[in-house]
Protein backbone atom coordinates (compact mmCIF):
# COMPACT_ATOMS: atom_id res chain seq x y z
CA UNK A 1 27.87 -14.47 -13.95
CA UNK A 2 30.10 -11.14 -13.80
CA UNK A 3 32.72 -10.90 -11.53
CA UNK A 4 33.47 -7.26 -10.43
CA UNK A 5 37.02 -6.17 -9.59
CA UNK A 6 37.79 -2.98 -8.23
CA UNK A 7 41.31 -1.63 -8.63
CA UNK A 8 43.69 1.37 -8.05
CA UNK A 9 46.12 2.15 -10.95
CA UNK A 10 49.20 2.17 -8.72
CA UNK A 11 48.27 -0.67 -6.40
CA UNK A 12 50.41 -3.66 -6.52
CA UNK A 13 47.86 -6.15 -5.14
CA UNK A 14 45.50 -4.85 -7.50
CA UNK A 15 48.07 -5.58 -10.75
CA UNK A 16 48.93 -8.94 -9.17
CA UNK A 17 45.07 -10.03 -9.05
CA UNK A 18 44.19 -8.47 -12.24
CA UNK A 19 46.76 -10.26 -14.09
CA UNK A 20 45.88 -13.66 -12.41
CA UNK A 21 42.04 -13.05 -13.04
CA UNK A 22 43.07 -12.32 -16.76
CA UNK A 23 45.41 -15.58 -17.25
CA UNK A 24 42.78 -17.70 -16.01
CA UNK A 25 39.98 -16.30 -17.93
CA UNK A 26 41.96 -16.99 -21.35
CA UNK A 27 41.40 -20.66 -20.24
CA UNK A 28 38.64 -22.76 -21.73
CA UNK A 29 37.37 -23.77 -18.14
CA UNK A 30 36.63 -19.91 -17.24
CA UNK A 31 35.54 -18.46 -20.80
CA UNK A 32 32.00 -17.78 -19.91
CA UNK A 33 33.04 -15.67 -16.61
CA UNK A 34 32.80 -12.09 -17.69
CA UNK A 35 35.37 -9.94 -15.61
CA UNK A 36 34.36 -6.15 -14.94
CA UNK A 37 37.12 -3.94 -14.00
CA UNK A 38 36.20 -0.67 -12.31
CA UNK A 39 38.78 2.10 -11.11
CA UNK A 40 38.72 2.74 -7.52
CA UNK A 41 38.08 6.49 -8.03
CA UNK A 42 35.36 6.22 -10.61
CA UNK A 43 31.66 6.87 -10.07
CA UNK A 44 30.74 3.22 -10.54
CA UNK A 45 33.01 2.35 -7.41
CA UNK A 46 30.70 4.11 -5.36
CA UNK A 47 27.95 1.37 -5.69
CA UNK A 48 30.04 -1.11 -3.78
CA UNK A 49 31.09 -1.23 -0.21
CA UNK A 50 34.73 -2.21 0.30
CA UNK A 51 37.68 -0.72 2.41
CA UNK A 52 40.71 -2.73 0.93
CA UNK A 53 41.84 -3.21 -2.78
CA UNK A 54 41.51 -5.07 -4.78
CA UNK A 55 38.12 -5.76 -4.06
CA UNK A 56 36.12 -8.26 -5.92
CA UNK A 57 32.28 -8.93 -6.04
CA UNK A 58 29.70 -11.45 -7.37
CA UNK A 59 26.65 -9.42 -7.66
CA UNK A 60 26.64 -7.13 -4.64
CA UNK A 61 28.27 -9.42 -2.54
CA UNK A 62 31.86 -8.65 -1.63
CA UNK A 63 33.97 -12.05 -2.08
CA UNK A 64 37.46 -10.78 -1.62
CA UNK A 65 39.19 -7.75 -0.89
CA UNK A 66 42.66 -6.97 -0.21
CA UNK A 67 45.92 -9.13 -1.06
CA UNK A 68 45.09 -12.63 -2.60
CA UNK A 69 46.39 -15.65 -4.01
CA UNK A 70 46.03 -17.69 -6.87
CA UNK A 71 43.48 -20.03 -4.96
CA UNK A 72 41.56 -17.39 -3.69
CA UNK A 73 40.88 -16.34 -7.49
CA UNK A 74 40.35 -19.75 -8.60
CA UNK A 75 37.57 -20.37 -5.89
CA UNK A 76 35.90 -17.04 -6.92
CA UNK A 77 36.19 -18.01 -10.70
CA UNK A 78 34.55 -21.75 -9.88
CA UNK A 79 31.91 -20.16 -8.08
CA UNK A 80 31.01 -17.71 -10.72
CA UNK A 81 31.34 -20.42 -13.49
CA UNK A 82 28.39 -22.48 -11.69
CA UNK A 83 26.03 -19.57 -11.41
CA UNK A 84 25.06 -19.12 -15.17
């Protein structure tokens, strides 16, 4: 399953979440999960309903937005891993 993350270039919370996703996705456990990164001001971001960044979606469902911790990201990846 694809995980979509909407970020803004200068957002420290976005940077932190993106780095955490990338580190976890390098492990064998989550190698089957695809991360799609969308810039907040892009045309593609208009297809998603969010207020805070970073915003994370599984399909069209928002599963996280705003500051997050590693445990939140692990939960998202665990769910996405079993939705294949």
